C-alpha atoms as a PDB file:
ATOM      1  CA  MET A   1     101.693  81.380  90.999  1.00  0.00           C
ATOM      2  CA  ASN A   2     100.183  83.177  88.007  1.00  0.00           C
ATOM      3  CA  THR A   3     102.439  84.924  85.527  1.00  0.00           C
ATOM      4  CA  LEU A   4     104.466  87.421  87.495  1.00  0.00           C
ATOM      5  CA  LYS A   5     103.602  90.754  85.947  1.00  0.00           C
ATOM      6  CA  ALA A   6     105.724  92.492  88.502  1.00  0.00           C
ATOM      7  CA  TRP A   7     108.277  93.648  85.996  1.00  0.00           C
ATOM      8  CA  GLY A   8     105.705  96.412  86.186  1.00  0.00           C
ATOM      9  CA  GLY A   9     107.552  95.740  84.448  1.00  0.00           C
ATOM     10  CA  ALA A  10     110.492  95.887  82.221  1.00  0.00           C
ATOM     11  CA  ILE A  11     113.361  94.208  80.509  1.00  0.00           C
ATOM     12  CA  ALA A  12     115.489  97.020  79.148  1.00  0.00           C
ATOM     13  CA  ALA A  13     117.972  96.425  76.378  1.00  0.00           C
ATOM     14  CA  ALA A  14     118.984  98.684  73.514  1.00  0.00           C
ATOM     15  CA  GLY A  15     116.203 101.022  74.485  1.00  0.00           C
ATOM     16  CA  MET A  16     113.471  98.404  74.629  1.00  0.00           C
ATOM     17  CA  MET A  17     110.947  98.315  77.432  1.00  0.00           C
ATOM     18  CA  VAL A  18     108.335  95.621  77.985  1.00  0.00           C
ATOM     19  CA  VAL A  19     105.469  96.605  80.229  1.00  0.00           C
ATOM     20  CA  LEU A  20     103.098  94.058  81.705  1.00  0.00           C
ATOM     21  CA  GLY A  21      99.907  95.280  83.290  1.00  0.00           C
ATOM     22  CA  GLY A  22      97.285  93.734  85.508  1.00  0.00           C
ATOM     23  CA  CYS A  23      95.161  94.142  88.594  1.00  0.00           C
ATOM     24  CA  ALA A  24      96.438  93.316  92.039  1.00  0.00           C
ATOM     25  CA  ALA A  25      95.468  93.764  95.646  1.00  0.00           C
ATOM     26  CA  THR A  26      96.660  97.075  96.999  1.00  0.00           C
ATOM     27  CA  PRO A  27      99.970  96.923  98.867  1.00  0.00           C
ATOM     28  CA  SER A  28      98.277  98.463 101.931  1.00  0.00           C
ATOM     29  CA  ALA A  29      95.764  95.588 102.085  1.00  0.00           C
ATOM     30  CA  GLU A  30      98.563  93.050 101.690  1.00  0.00           C
ATOM     31  CA  THR A  31     100.611  94.794 104.355  1.00  0.00           C
ATOM     32  CA  THR A  32      97.658  94.773 106.742  1.00  0.00           C
ATOM     33  CA  ALA A  33      97.149  91.030 106.190  1.00  0.00           C
ATOM     34  CA  ALA A  34     100.874  90.362 106.696  1.00  0.00           C
ATOM     35  CA  ASN A  35     100.933  92.286 109.942  1.00  0.00           C
ATOM     36  CA  GLN A  36      97.859  90.485 111.210  1.00  0.00           C
ATOM     37  CA  ALA A  37      99.886  87.305 110.802  1.00  0.00           C
ATOM     38  CA  THR A  38     102.737  88.799 112.844  1.00  0.00           C
ATOM     39  CA  LEU A  39     100.294  89.863 115.573  1.00  0.00           C
ATOM     40  CA  ASP A  40      99.154  86.244 115.678  1.00  0.00           C
ATOM     41  CA  ASN A  41     102.840  85.257 115.979  1.00  0.00           C
ATOM     42  CA  ARG A  42     102.803  83.665 112.532  1.00  0.00           C
ATOM     43  CA  ALA A  43     105.322  84.288 109.775  1.00  0.00           C
ATOM     44  CA  PRO A  44     103.603  86.090 106.879  1.00  0.00           C
ATOM     45  CA  PHE A  45     103.503  84.556 103.417  1.00  0.00           C
ATOM     46  CA  LEU A  46     106.165  86.056 101.153  1.00  0.00           C
ATOM     47  CA  PRO A  47     105.753  86.853  97.430  1.00  0.00           C
ATOM     48  CA  SER A  48     106.256  83.807  95.213  1.00  0.00           C
ATOM     49  CA  ALA A  49     108.618  85.852  93.001  1.00  0.00           C
ATOM     50  CA  LEU A  50     111.282  85.389  95.705  1.00  0.00           C
ATOM     51  CA  PHE A  51     111.268  81.588  95.386  1.00  0.00           C
ATOM     52  CA  PRO A  52     112.649  79.138  92.773  1.00  0.00           C
ATOM     53  CA  GLY A  53     109.542  76.922  92.778  1.00  0.00           C
ATOM     54  CA  SER A  54     110.595  73.282  92.526  1.00  0.00           C
ATOM     55  CA  ALA A  55     113.807  74.165  90.662  1.00  0.00           C
ATOM     56  CA  GLN A  56     117.037  72.972  92.215  1.00  0.00           C
ATOM     57  CA  THR A  57     119.356  75.333  90.342  1.00  0.00           C
ATOM     58  CA  PHE A  58     119.625  79.029  89.506  1.00  0.00           C
ATOM     59  CA  ALA A  59     121.378  80.037  86.273  1.00  0.00           C
ATOM     60  CA  ALA A  60     122.935  83.403  85.433  1.00  0.00           C
ATOM     61  CA  TRP A  61     122.823  84.640  81.819  1.00  0.00           C
ATOM     62  CA  HIS A  62     124.848  87.468  80.312  1.00  0.00           C
ATOM     63  CA  CYS A  63     122.983  89.022  77.403  1.00  0.00           C
ATOM     64  CA  GLU A  64     123.649  91.392  74.508  1.00  0.00           C
ATOM     65  CA  PRO A  65     123.311  93.953  73.065  1.00  0.00           C
ATOM     66  CA  ALA A  66     122.783  95.969  76.250  1.00  0.00           C
ATOM     67  CA  GLN A  67     124.847  94.188  78.914  1.00  0.00           C
ATOM     68  CA  GLN A  68     121.625  92.771  80.376  1.00  0.00           C
ATOM     69  CA  HIS A  69     122.030  90.057  83.035  1.00  0.00           C
ATOM     70  CA  LEU A  70     119.251  87.569  83.794  1.00  0.00           C
ATOM     71  CA  VAL A  71     118.621  84.793  86.327  1.00  0.00           C
ATOM     72  CA  THR A  72     116.476  81.725  85.611  1.00  0.00           C
ATOM     73  CA  ALA A  73     115.140  78.714  87.518  1.00  0.00           C
ATOM     74  CA  THR A  74     113.655  75.879  85.451  1.00  0.00           C
ATOM     75  CA  ASN A  75     110.667  73.932  86.800  1.00  0.00           C
ATOM     76  CA  ALA A  76     108.831  70.976  85.262  1.00  0.00           C
ATOM     77  CA  ASP A  77     106.324  73.082  83.308  1.00  0.00           C
ATOM     78  CA  ASP A  78     107.612  76.634  83.457  1.00  0.00           C
ATOM     79  CA  LEU A  79     110.613  78.917  83.752  1.00  0.00           C
ATOM     80  CA  ARG A  80     111.042  81.602  86.398  1.00  0.00           C
ATOM     81  CA  LEU A  81     112.951  84.542  84.995  1.00  0.00           C
ATOM     82  CA  TRP A  82     114.410  87.527  86.842  1.00  0.00           C
ATOM     83  CA  SER A  83     115.922  90.692  85.372  1.00  0.00           C
ATOM     84  CA  LEU A  84     117.259  93.778  87.113  1.00  0.00           C
ATOM     85  CA  HIS A  85     113.691  95.089  87.015  1.00  0.00           C
ATOM     86  CA  GLY A  86     111.592  92.229  88.413  1.00  0.00           C
ATOM     87  CA  ALA A  87     110.291  88.735  87.658  1.00  0.00           C
ATOM     88  CA  TRP A  88     108.321  86.685  85.140  1.00  0.00           C
ATOM     89  CA  ARG A  89     106.931  83.194  85.105  1.00  0.00           C
ATOM     90  CA  LEU A  90     106.823  81.698  81.586  1.00  0.00           C
ATOM     91  CA  PRO A  91     104.894  78.465  80.812  1.00  0.00           C
ATOM     92  CA  GLN A  92     106.623  75.890  78.651  1.00  0.00           C
ATOM     93  CA  ALA A  93     105.861  75.930  74.906  1.00  0.00           C
ATOM     94  CA  VAL A  94     106.253  73.129  72.379  1.00  0.00           C
ATOM     95  CA  VAL A  95     109.255  73.534  70.045  1.00  0.00           C
ATOM     96  CA  ALA A  96     111.240  71.226  67.760  1.00  0.00           C
ATOM     97  CA  SER A  97     114.560  71.830  69.494  1.00  0.00           C
ATOM     98  CA  GLY A  98     115.748  73.225  72.787  1.00  0.00           C
ATOM     99  CA  ALA A  99     113.406  74.374  75.547  1.00  0.00           C
ATOM    100  CA  ARG A 100     111.128  77.360  74.971  1.00  0.00           C
ATOM    101  CA  TYR A 101     109.040  79.186  77.567  1.00  0.00           C
ATOM    102  CA  GLN A 102     106.527  81.809  76.518  1.00  0.00           C
ATOM    103  CA  ASP A 103     103.916  84.173  77.889  1.00  0.00           C
ATOM    104  CA  GLY A 104     102.254  86.085  75.073  1.00  0.00           C
ATOM    105  CA  GLU A 105     104.923  87.891  73.035  1.00  0.00           C
ATOM    106  CA  ILE A 106     107.653  87.346  75.633  1.00  0.00           C
ATOM    107  CA  SER A 107     109.713  84.168  75.434  1.00  0.00           C
ATOM    108  CA  PHE A 108     112.920  82.541  76.605  1.00  0.00           C
ATOM    109  CA  TRP A 109     114.363  79.914  74.233  1.00  0.00           C
ATOM    110  CA  ASN A 110     117.162  77.862  75.750  1.00  0.00           C
ATOM    111  CA  ARG A 111     119.534  75.769  73.610  1.00  0.00           C
ATOM    112  CA  GLY A 112     122.293  74.384  75.803  1.00  0.00           C
ATOM    113  CA  ASP A 113     124.427  77.231  77.122  1.00  0.00           C
ATOM    114  CA  LYS A 114     122.802  79.753  74.753  1.00  0.00           C
ATOM    115  CA  ALA A 115     119.407  81.397  74.989  1.00  0.00           C
ATOM    116  CA  LEU A 116     117.287  83.820  73.005  1.00  0.00           C
ATOM    117  CA  VAL A 117     114.950  86.229  74.798  1.00  0.00           C
ATOM    118  CA  GLU A 118     112.242  87.713  72.551  1.00  0.00           C
ATOM    119  CA  THR A 119     110.039  90.690  73.330  1.00  0.00           C
ATOM    120  CA  PRO A 120     107.734  92.849  71.170  1.00  0.00           C
ATOM    121  CA  ARG A 121     110.595  95.341  70.724  1.00  0.00           C
ATOM    122  CA  GLY A 122     113.582  93.149  70.064  1.00  0.00           C
ATOM    123  CA  GLN A 123     115.791  90.263  71.107  1.00  0.00           C
ATOM    124  CA  LEU A 124     118.527  89.467  73.599  1.00  0.00           C
ATOM    125  CA  GLN A 125     121.230  86.932  72.778  1.00  0.00           C
ATOM    126  CA  CYS A 126     122.307  85.318  76.048  1.00  0.00           C
ATOM    127  CA  SER A 127     125.107  83.022  77.192  1.00  0.00           C
ATOM    128  CA  LEU A 128     125.174  80.914  80.357  1.00  0.00           C
ATOM    129  CA  ALA A 129     127.639  82.496  82.782  1.00  0.00           C
ATOM    130  CA  GLU A 130     127.203  80.841  86.188  1.00  0.00           C
ATOM    131  CA  GLN A 131     125.032  78.362  88.097  1.00  0.00           C
ATOM    132  CA  ARG A 132     124.184  77.861  91.764  1.00  0.00           C
ATOM    133  CA  ASP A 133     122.298  75.183  93.666  1.00  0.00           C
ATOM    134  CA  ALA A 134     119.152  76.602  95.272  1.00  0.00           C
ATOM    135  CA  LEU A 135     119.199  76.744  99.060  1.00  0.00           C
ATOM    136  CA  THR A 136     116.967  74.155 100.753  1.00  0.00           C
ATOM    137  CA  ARG A 137     115.388  73.698 104.164  1.00  0.00           C
ATOM    138  CA  ALA A 138     117.828  70.847 104.746  1.00  0.00           C
ATOM    139  CA  GLU A 139     120.677  73.395 104.526  1.00  0.00           C
ATOM    140  CA  LYS A 140     118.787  76.188 106.314  1.00  0.00           C
ATOM    141  CA  PRO A 141     116.369  74.529 108.778  1.00  0.00           C
ATOM    142  CA  GLY A 142     113.452  76.705 109.796  1.00  0.00           C
ATOM    143  CA  VAL A 143     114.360  79.507 107.362  1.00  0.00           C
ATOM    144  CA  MET A 144     111.850  80.950 104.853  1.00  0.00           C
ATOM    145  CA  LEU A 145     114.153  83.577 103.342  1.00  0.00           C
ATOM    146  CA  PHE A 146     117.921  83.904 103.522  1.00  0.00           C
ATOM    147  CA  GLY A 147     119.964  86.953 102.514  1.00  0.00           C
ATOM    148  CA  GLN A 148     123.679  87.625 102.563  1.00  0.00           C
ATOM    149  CA  GLY A 149     126.295  90.233 101.731  1.00  0.00           C
ATOM    150  CA  ASN A 150     130.032  90.804 101.854  1.00  0.00           C
ATOM    151  CA  GLU A 151     132.668  93.112 103.308  1.00  0.00           C
ATOM    152  CA  PRO A 152     131.904  92.835 106.155  1.00  0.00           C
ATOM    153  CA  GLY A 153     130.098  89.523 105.804  1.00  0.00           C
ATOM    154  CA  TRP A 154     126.485  89.576 107.012  1.00  0.00           C
ATOM    155  CA  THR A 155     123.401  87.373 106.790  1.00  0.00           C
ATOM    156  CA  VAL A 156     119.698  87.724 107.539  1.00  0.00           C
ATOM    157  CA  ALA A 157     117.268  84.834 107.966  1.00  0.00           C
ATOM    158  CA  LEU A 158     113.479  85.091 108.265  1.00  0.00           C
ATOM    159  CA  ALA A 159     112.007  82.167 110.187  1.00  0.00           C
ATOM    160  CA  ASN A 160     109.362  80.058 108.454  1.00  0.00           C
ATOM    161  CA  ASP A 161     107.042  79.770 111.484  1.00  0.00           C
ATOM    162  CA  THR A 162     107.213  82.998 113.510  1.00  0.00           C
ATOM    163  CA  PRO A 163     107.876  86.677 112.605  1.00  0.00           C
ATOM    164  CA  THR A 164     111.476  86.437 113.752  1.00  0.00           C
ATOM    165  CA  LEU A 165     114.640  87.654 112.037  1.00  0.00           C
ATOM    166  CA  THR A 166     118.129  86.373 112.806  1.00  0.00           C
ATOM    167  CA  LEU A 167     120.889  88.827 111.922  1.00  0.00           C
ATOM    168  CA  GLU A 168     124.597  88.009 111.859  1.00  0.00           C
ATOM    169  CA  MET A 169     127.214  90.712 111.304  1.00  0.00           C
ATOM    170  CA  ASN A 170     130.989  90.753 110.834  1.00  0.00           C
ATOM    171  CA  TYR A 171     131.167  87.162 109.646  1.00  0.00           C
ATOM    172  CA  GLY A 172     129.126  85.855 112.584  1.00  0.00           C
ATOM    173  CA  GLU A 173     130.888  87.747 115.375  1.00  0.00           C
ATOM    174  CA  GLU A 174     127.640  89.577 116.218  1.00  0.00           C
ATOM    175  CA  ARG A 175     124.329  87.677 116.285  1.00  0.00           C
ATOM    176  CA  LEU A 176     120.834  88.973 117.069  1.00  0.00           C
ATOM    177  CA  GLN A 177     117.425  87.320 116.961  1.00  0.00           C
ATOM    178  CA  LEU A 178     114.549  89.784 117.047  1.00  0.00           C
ATOM    179  CA  PRO A 179     110.840  89.975 116.167  1.00  0.00           C
ATOM    180  CA  TYR A 180     109.797  92.077 113.173  1.00  0.00           C
ATOM    181  CA  MET A 181     106.773  93.825 111.709  1.00  0.00           C
ATOM    182  CA  VAL A 182     105.972  94.256 108.012  1.00  0.00           C
ATOM    183  CA  SER A 183     106.012  97.849 106.767  1.00  0.00           C
ATOM    184  CA  VAL A 184     105.570  96.919 103.078  1.00  0.00           C
ATOM    185  CA  MET A 185     104.133  93.780 101.474  1.00  0.00           C
ATOM    186  CA  ASP A 186     103.590  93.986  97.691  1.00  0.00           C
ATOM    187  CA  ASN A 187     103.048  90.565  96.142  1.00  0.00           C
ATOM    188  CA  GLU A 188     102.666  91.899  92.614  1.00  0.00           C
ATOM    189  CA  ALA A 189     106.011  93.701  92.695  1.00  0.00           C
ATOM    190  CA  GLY A 190     107.699  90.968  94.750  1.00  0.00           C
ATOM    191  CA  ARG A 191     108.659  93.486  97.428  1.00  0.00           C
ATOM    192  CA  VAL A 192     108.796  93.125 101.224  1.00  0.00           C
ATOM    193  CA  VAL A 193     110.117  95.487 103.897  1.00  0.00           C
ATOM    194  CA  VAL A 194     110.397  94.301 107.494  1.00  0.00           C
ATOM    195  CA  GLU A 195     111.677  96.177 110.533  1.00  0.00           C
ATOM    196  CA  ASN A 196     111.667  95.929 114.306  1.00  0.00           C
ATOM    197  CA  ALA A 197     109.358  98.854 115.033  1.00  0.00           C
ATOM    198  CA  ASP A 198     110.216 100.319 118.468  1.00  0.00           C
ATOM    199  CA  VAL A 199     112.626  97.603 119.595  1.00  0.00           C
ATOM    200  CA  GLU A 200     116.327  98.435 119.842  1.00  0.00           C
ATOM    201  CA  PRO A 201     118.677  98.053 118.065  1.00  0.00           C
ATOM    202  CA  PHE A 202     116.840  99.270 114.958  1.00  0.00           C
ATOM    203  CA  PHE A 203     117.022  97.295 111.717  1.00  0.00           C
ATOM    204  CA  ARG A 204     115.207  97.372 108.401  1.00  0.00           C
ATOM    205  CA  VAL A 205     115.403  94.747 105.645  1.00  0.00           C
ATOM    206  CA  ARG A 206     114.079  95.457 102.159  1.00  0.00           C
ATOM    207  CA  ILE A 207     113.672  92.513  99.773  1.00  0.00           C
ATOM    208  CA  ASP A 208     112.980  93.044  96.046  1.00  0.00           C
ATOM    209  CA  ALA A 209     112.431  90.332  93.440  1.00  0.00           C
ATOM    210  CA  GLY A 210     115.001  90.798  90.680  1.00  0.00           C
ATOM    211  CA  ALA A 211     118.248  89.408  89.329  1.00  0.00           C
ATOM    212  CA  CYS A 212     121.037  89.709  91.890  1.00  0.00           C
ATOM    213  CA  PHE A 213     124.633  88.535  91.700  1.00  0.00           C
ATOM    214  CA  ASP A 214     126.964  88.038  94.649  1.00  0.00           C
ATOM    215  CA  ASN A 215     129.618  90.751  94.329  1.00  0.00           C
ATOM    216  CA  MET A 216     132.430  88.329  95.149  1.00  0.00           C
ATOM    217  CA  SER A 217     131.424  84.995  93.583  1.00  0.00           C
ATOM    218  CA  GLY A 218     129.030  86.170  90.852  1.00  0.00           C
ATOM    219  CA  LYS A 219     126.509  83.513  91.949  1.00  0.00           C
ATOM    220  CA  PRO A 220     122.903  84.248  90.893  1.00  0.00           C
ATOM    221  CA  PHE A 221     119.979  84.960  93.224  1.00  0.00           C
ATOM    222  CA  PRO A 222     116.317  85.927  92.626  1.00  0.00           C
ATOM    223  CA  ALA A 223     116.185  88.818  95.109  1.00  0.00           C
ATOM    224  CA  ARG A 224     118.076  91.935  96.125  1.00  0.00           C
ATOM    225  CA  VAL A 225     118.351  92.460  99.882  1.00  0.00           C
ATOM    226  CA  THR A 226     119.108  95.824 101.487  1.00  0.00           C
ATOM    227  CA  LEU A 227     119.898  95.835 105.214  1.00  0.00           C
ATOM    228  CA  THR A 228     119.853  98.976 107.357  1.00  0.00           C
ATOM    229  CA  TYR A 229     121.494  98.452 110.755  1.00  0.00           C
ATOM    230  CA  GLY A 230     123.659 100.440 113.124  1.00  0.00           C
ATOM    231  CA  GLY A 231     123.322 103.581 111.038  1.00  0.00           C
ATOM    232  CA  GLU A 232     124.754 101.814 107.980  1.00  0.00           C
ATOM    233  CA  GLN A 233     123.207 100.349 104.832  1.00  0.00           C
ATOM    234  CA  TYR A 234     124.368  97.069 103.311  1.00  0.00           C
ATOM    235  CA  SER A 235     123.474  95.519  99.950  1.00  0.00           C
ATOM    236  CA  GLY A 236     123.346  91.821  99.123  1.00  0.00           C
ATOM    237  CA  CYS A 237     121.336  89.015  97.577  1.00  0.00           C
ATOM    238  CA  GLY A 238     118.756  86.534  98.830  1.00  0.00           C
ATOM    239  CA  GLN A 239     116.414  83.639  98.113  1.00  0.00           C
ATOM    240  CA  GLY A 240     113.128  82.357  99.428  1.00  0.00           C
ATOM    241  CA  ILE A 241     113.331  78.762 100.670  1.00  0.00           C
ATOM    242  CA  ALA A 242     110.263  76.575 100.198  1.00  0.00           C
ATOM    243  CA  PRO A 243     109.510  73.535 102.425  1.00  0.00           C
END
C-alpha cells in the first residue's frame, strides 16, 4: 500500500488542516471493477486503509490542543495512522530515541505512552489512551471485514470469498445472510458502500476509513461503519481482517 493520501485529507487541530493530494482511479471505475467481481461470485478487494497490515494491536491516542483522537497500528517498517478524517501510512524514519514515522512534513514520533504528531501547521501532543488486539481470521473464520455497534447490539461480516454479508441484530436474536452489490468503491478515500439491490429485506452498509471508538468500551478501530436496515440507521466501528 502506498502512502494513504485519503485524508483528502486532513488532520484538524487548533485550526490546522493538512491536505494531501494525488491521482487515483475514479471511484466509478473502481466500483465497476468491484461489481464485476460480485457478478463472478467473488468478494471484491477492499481498500487497504481498512486493514491493520501485519500489526497485531490498535492503539488509541488522545491529543491536544484540539481534543483530536487518533488510532495507530505499528508494522515492521511503517505506521498506519487514522484520524477522524481518514488514513495515512507513514514509513519509519531513523531517530536517536523512540520510534518516528514520517511522510514528507507529516510525522508521528512515539516515545512510550506519549507521541508527537507534526504537520506543516503545528503539532499535536498525544497520550496513549487505550489498546485493542486486532481481529484475526482465527477469531473470525472466513470474514474479510467485521463491523459492530451497540444498543441494540448488531454486527455485520463481509465474507472473504463470496459477495455475502451476514447481519446479526438485537444481540444475535435475528440473523440474516444475504448477497450484496457494491454501490461505491473508493480506494483512495478508503470508502465502500454495499447493499442488497432488489432483494428484501433492504440493507445498506457504508464503511469509511477513519478513527472510530466503540461507544461503550472506547476500544479503537480503523473504520466507521453505518448500517441502514429496517428503516433505521445504526452507527458503529469496524476492521478489515487480512488472511
